[in-house]
Amino acid sequence: MAVTLPRAGDVVHLTRAASVQFTNPIMFRVIRVLDWITYDHWVWLDGYQLGPTGDAVARRTVFVQQSGIRIINYSNTRGI
């Protein structure tokens, strides 16, 4: 099953399905998907954790399972 990775500008919902570190789910705006070497089906995301109003509250780099990434909205660059 192919998993779609987020792109710059996408907002994703990260829960325990993505990693055990997310016992409290977060919303995350992706800056980029890093090309670091990882385990199969895992990926590093660089971006901003979003607060309840959608504002960035912290810059983070997170290590998550690709199948656990839930893309909430797509950036305006899709399809271009």
N, C-alpha and C. Protein backbone atom coordinates (compact mmCIF):
# COMPACT_ATOMS: atom_id res chain seq x y z
N MET A 1 0.85 -1.19 0.00
CA MET A 1 0.00 0.00 0.00
C MET A 1 0.89 1.24 0.00
N ALA A 2 0.71 2.10 -0.96
CA ALA A 2 1.51 3.32 -1.06
C ALA A 2 1.00 4.37 -0.08
N VAL A 3 1.92 5.02 0.58
CA VAL A 3 1.59 6.07 1.53
C VAL A 3 2.02 7.40 0.95
N THR A 4 1.11 8.37 0.96
CA THR A 4 1.43 9.71 0.46
C THR A 4 2.12 10.49 1.55
N LEU A 5 3.30 10.99 1.25
CA LEU A 5 4.02 11.82 2.20
C LEU A 5 3.54 13.26 2.09
N PRO A 6 3.56 13.98 3.20
CA PRO A 6 3.18 15.39 3.14
C PRO A 6 4.23 16.19 2.39
N ARG A 7 3.83 17.38 1.97
CA ARG A 7 4.73 18.30 1.30
C ARG A 7 4.76 19.60 2.09
N ALA A 8 5.68 20.46 1.75
CA ALA A 8 5.80 21.76 2.42
C ALA A 8 4.46 22.47 2.44
N GLY A 9 4.06 22.94 3.60
CA GLY A 9 2.80 23.65 3.76
C GLY A 9 1.65 22.79 4.22
N ASP A 10 1.76 21.47 4.09
CA ASP A 10 0.69 20.59 4.54
C ASP A 10 0.59 20.60 6.06
N VAL A 11 -0.64 20.48 6.56
CA VAL A 11 -0.88 20.32 7.99
C VAL A 11 -1.23 18.85 8.21
N VAL A 12 -0.55 18.24 9.17
CA VAL A 12 -0.80 16.83 9.47
C VAL A 12 -1.19 16.67 10.93
N HIS A 13 -1.96 15.63 11.19
CA HIS A 13 -2.37 15.28 12.55
C HIS A 13 -1.50 14.09 12.96
N LEU A 14 -0.76 14.24 14.04
CA LEU A 14 0.13 13.19 14.50
C LEU A 14 -0.38 12.63 15.82
N THR A 15 -0.63 11.32 15.83
CA THR A 15 -1.12 10.62 17.01
C THR A 15 -0.19 9.46 17.33
N ARG A 16 -0.59 8.62 18.27
CA ARG A 16 0.21 7.44 18.61
C ARG A 16 0.39 6.51 17.41
N ALA A 17 -0.47 6.62 16.42
CA ALA A 17 -0.32 5.82 15.20
C ALA A 17 0.97 6.20 14.47
N ALA A 18 1.40 7.45 14.64
CA ALA A 18 2.63 7.93 14.00
C ALA A 18 3.85 7.61 14.86
N SER A 19 3.71 7.73 16.18
CA SER A 19 4.82 7.47 17.09
C SER A 19 4.30 7.48 18.53
N VAL A 20 4.92 6.68 19.38
CA VAL A 20 4.50 6.63 20.78
C VAL A 20 4.73 7.95 21.50
N GLN A 21 5.54 8.83 20.94
CA GLN A 21 5.78 10.12 21.59
C GLN A 21 4.54 11.01 21.59
N PHE A 22 3.55 10.70 20.75
CA PHE A 22 2.36 11.53 20.64
C PHE A 22 1.20 10.96 21.44
N THR A 23 1.42 10.80 22.76
CA THR A 23 0.32 10.37 23.64
C THR A 23 -0.76 11.44 23.63
N ASN A 24 -0.35 12.69 23.48
CA ASN A 24 -1.26 13.80 23.24
C ASN A 24 -1.08 14.20 21.78
N PRO A 25 -2.07 13.95 20.94
CA PRO A 25 -1.95 14.26 19.51
C PRO A 25 -1.64 15.74 19.27
N ILE A 26 -0.94 16.00 18.16
CA ILE A 26 -0.63 17.38 17.79
C ILE A 26 -0.96 17.62 16.32
N MET A 27 -1.16 18.89 16.00
CA MET A 27 -1.25 19.34 14.62
C MET A 27 0.13 19.89 14.27
N PHE A 28 0.58 19.65 13.05
CA PHE A 28 1.96 19.95 12.67
C PHE A 28 1.97 20.46 11.24
N ARG A 29 2.55 21.66 11.03
CA ARG A 29 2.69 22.19 9.66
C ARG A 29 4.08 21.83 9.16
N VAL A 30 4.12 21.11 8.04
CA VAL A 30 5.37 20.59 7.49
C VAL A 30 6.13 21.69 6.74
N ILE A 31 7.41 21.81 7.07
CA ILE A 31 8.32 22.66 6.30
C ILE A 31 8.94 21.81 5.19
N ARG A 32 9.39 20.62 5.60
CA ARG A 32 9.99 19.70 4.62
C ARG A 32 10.07 18.30 5.20
N VAL A 33 10.15 17.34 4.30
CA VAL A 33 10.43 15.95 4.67
C VAL A 33 11.93 15.78 4.49
N LEU A 34 12.60 15.43 5.57
CA LEU A 34 14.06 15.32 5.53
C LEU A 34 14.46 14.02 4.84
N ASP A 35 15.59 14.05 4.15
CA ASP A 35 16.04 12.86 3.42
C ASP A 35 17.07 12.06 4.23
N TRP A 36 16.95 12.11 5.54
CA TRP A 36 17.85 11.36 6.41
C TRP A 36 17.56 9.87 6.31
N ILE A 37 18.58 9.05 6.45
CA ILE A 37 18.43 7.61 6.41
C ILE A 37 17.71 7.15 7.68
N THR A 38 16.67 6.32 7.51
CA THR A 38 15.86 5.85 8.64
C THR A 38 15.54 4.38 8.46
N TYR A 39 14.77 3.87 9.41
CA TYR A 39 14.21 2.53 9.26
C TYR A 39 13.16 2.56 8.16
N ASP A 40 12.87 1.38 7.58
CA ASP A 40 11.83 1.31 6.56
C ASP A 40 10.51 1.83 7.10
N HIS A 41 9.84 2.62 6.29
CA HIS A 41 8.50 3.15 6.57
C HIS A 41 8.48 4.20 7.68
N TRP A 42 9.61 4.76 8.02
CA TRP A 42 9.71 5.87 8.98
C TRP A 42 10.29 7.07 8.24
N VAL A 43 10.00 8.27 8.74
CA VAL A 43 10.46 9.49 8.08
C VAL A 43 10.63 10.60 9.11
N TRP A 44 11.57 11.49 8.83
CA TRP A 44 11.77 12.69 9.66
C TRP A 44 11.03 13.84 9.00
N LEU A 45 10.23 14.57 9.80
CA LEU A 45 9.53 15.76 9.33
C LEU A 45 10.05 16.97 10.08
N ASP A 46 10.30 18.04 9.36
CA ASP A 46 10.73 19.31 9.95
C ASP A 46 9.55 20.26 9.81
N GLY A 47 9.20 20.96 10.90
CA GLY A 47 8.07 21.87 10.80
C GLY A 47 7.73 22.54 12.11
N TYR A 48 6.47 22.95 12.22
CA TYR A 48 5.99 23.68 13.38
C TYR A 48 4.81 22.97 14.02
N GLN A 49 4.89 22.79 15.33
CA GLN A 49 3.73 22.32 16.08
C GLN A 49 2.75 23.48 16.15
N LEU A 50 1.47 23.19 15.92
CA LEU A 50 0.46 24.23 15.91
C LEU A 50 -0.36 24.19 17.20
N GLY A 51 -0.72 25.37 17.67
CA GLY A 51 -1.56 25.49 18.86
C GLY A 51 -3.03 25.39 18.48
N PRO A 52 -3.92 25.56 19.47
CA PRO A 52 -5.36 25.42 19.25
C PRO A 52 -5.93 26.39 18.22
N THR A 53 -5.30 27.55 18.05
CA THR A 53 -5.80 28.53 17.07
C THR A 53 -5.12 28.41 15.71
N GLY A 54 -4.21 27.43 15.57
CA GLY A 54 -3.52 27.22 14.30
C GLY A 54 -2.22 27.98 14.18
N ASP A 55 -1.83 28.70 15.22
CA ASP A 55 -0.56 29.42 15.22
C ASP A 55 0.58 28.49 15.59
N ALA A 56 1.75 28.74 15.03
CA ALA A 56 2.92 27.95 15.37
C ALA A 56 3.33 28.24 16.82
N VAL A 57 3.53 27.17 17.59
CA VAL A 57 3.94 27.34 18.99
C VAL A 57 5.34 26.80 19.25
N ALA A 58 5.84 25.93 18.36
CA ALA A 58 7.20 25.38 18.55
C ALA A 58 7.71 24.83 17.23
N ARG A 59 8.98 25.07 16.96
CA ARG A 59 9.64 24.46 15.80
C ARG A 59 10.12 23.09 16.25
N ARG A 60 9.83 22.04 15.45
CA ARG A 60 10.20 20.68 15.84
C ARG A 60 10.64 19.87 14.63
N THR A 61 11.45 18.87 14.92
CA THR A 61 11.78 17.84 13.95
C THR A 61 11.32 16.54 14.59
N VAL A 62 10.43 15.81 13.90
CA VAL A 62 9.82 14.62 14.48
C VAL A 62 10.09 13.40 13.61
N PHE A 63 10.19 12.24 14.27
CA PHE A 63 10.45 10.96 13.62
C PHE A 63 9.17 10.15 13.71
N VAL A 64 8.54 9.87 12.57
CA VAL A 64 7.22 9.24 12.57
C VAL A 64 7.11 8.12 11.55
N GLN A 65 6.15 7.21 11.79
CA GLN A 65 5.84 6.17 10.83
C GLN A 65 5.00 6.77 9.70
N GLN A 66 5.35 6.46 8.49
CA GLN A 66 4.64 7.02 7.34
C GLN A 66 3.16 6.69 7.38
N SER A 67 2.81 5.47 7.76
CA SER A 67 1.40 5.06 7.75
C SER A 67 0.58 5.77 8.82
N GLY A 68 1.23 6.39 9.81
CA GLY A 68 0.51 7.08 10.87
C GLY A 68 0.31 8.56 10.63
N ILE A 69 0.82 9.06 9.50
CA ILE A 69 0.68 10.49 9.17
C ILE A 69 -0.69 10.71 8.53
N ARG A 70 -1.49 11.57 9.14
CA ARG A 70 -2.81 11.89 8.59
C ARG A 70 -2.78 13.34 8.08
N ILE A 71 -2.80 13.49 6.76
CA ILE A 71 -2.76 14.83 6.16
C ILE A 71 -4.14 15.47 6.29
N ILE A 72 -4.18 16.63 6.94
CA ILE A 72 -5.44 17.33 7.17
C ILE A 72 -5.80 18.23 6.00
N ASN A 73 -4.85 19.03 5.53
CA ASN A 73 -5.11 19.83 4.34
C ASN A 73 -3.85 19.88 3.51
N TYR A 74 -4.02 20.07 2.26
CA TYR A 74 -2.92 20.06 1.31
C TYR A 74 -2.47 21.49 1.02
N SER A 75 -1.18 21.64 0.79
CA SER A 75 -0.66 22.96 0.43
C SER A 75 -1.19 23.37 -0.93
N ASN A 76 -1.09 24.63 -1.22
CA ASN A 76 -1.58 25.16 -2.49
C ASN A 76 -0.74 24.71 -3.68
N THR A 77 0.38 24.05 -3.43
CA THR A 77 1.26 23.66 -4.54
C THR A 77 0.89 22.32 -5.12
N ARG A 78 -0.10 21.62 -4.58
CA ARG A 78 -0.49 20.32 -5.12
C ARG A 78 -1.02 20.50 -6.55
N GLY A 79 -0.60 19.61 -7.39
CA GLY A 79 -1.12 19.63 -8.75
C GLY A 79 -0.46 20.62 -9.69
N ILE A 80 0.54 21.34 -9.21
CA ILE A 80 1.22 22.31 -10.06
C ILE A 80 2.43 21.65 -10.69
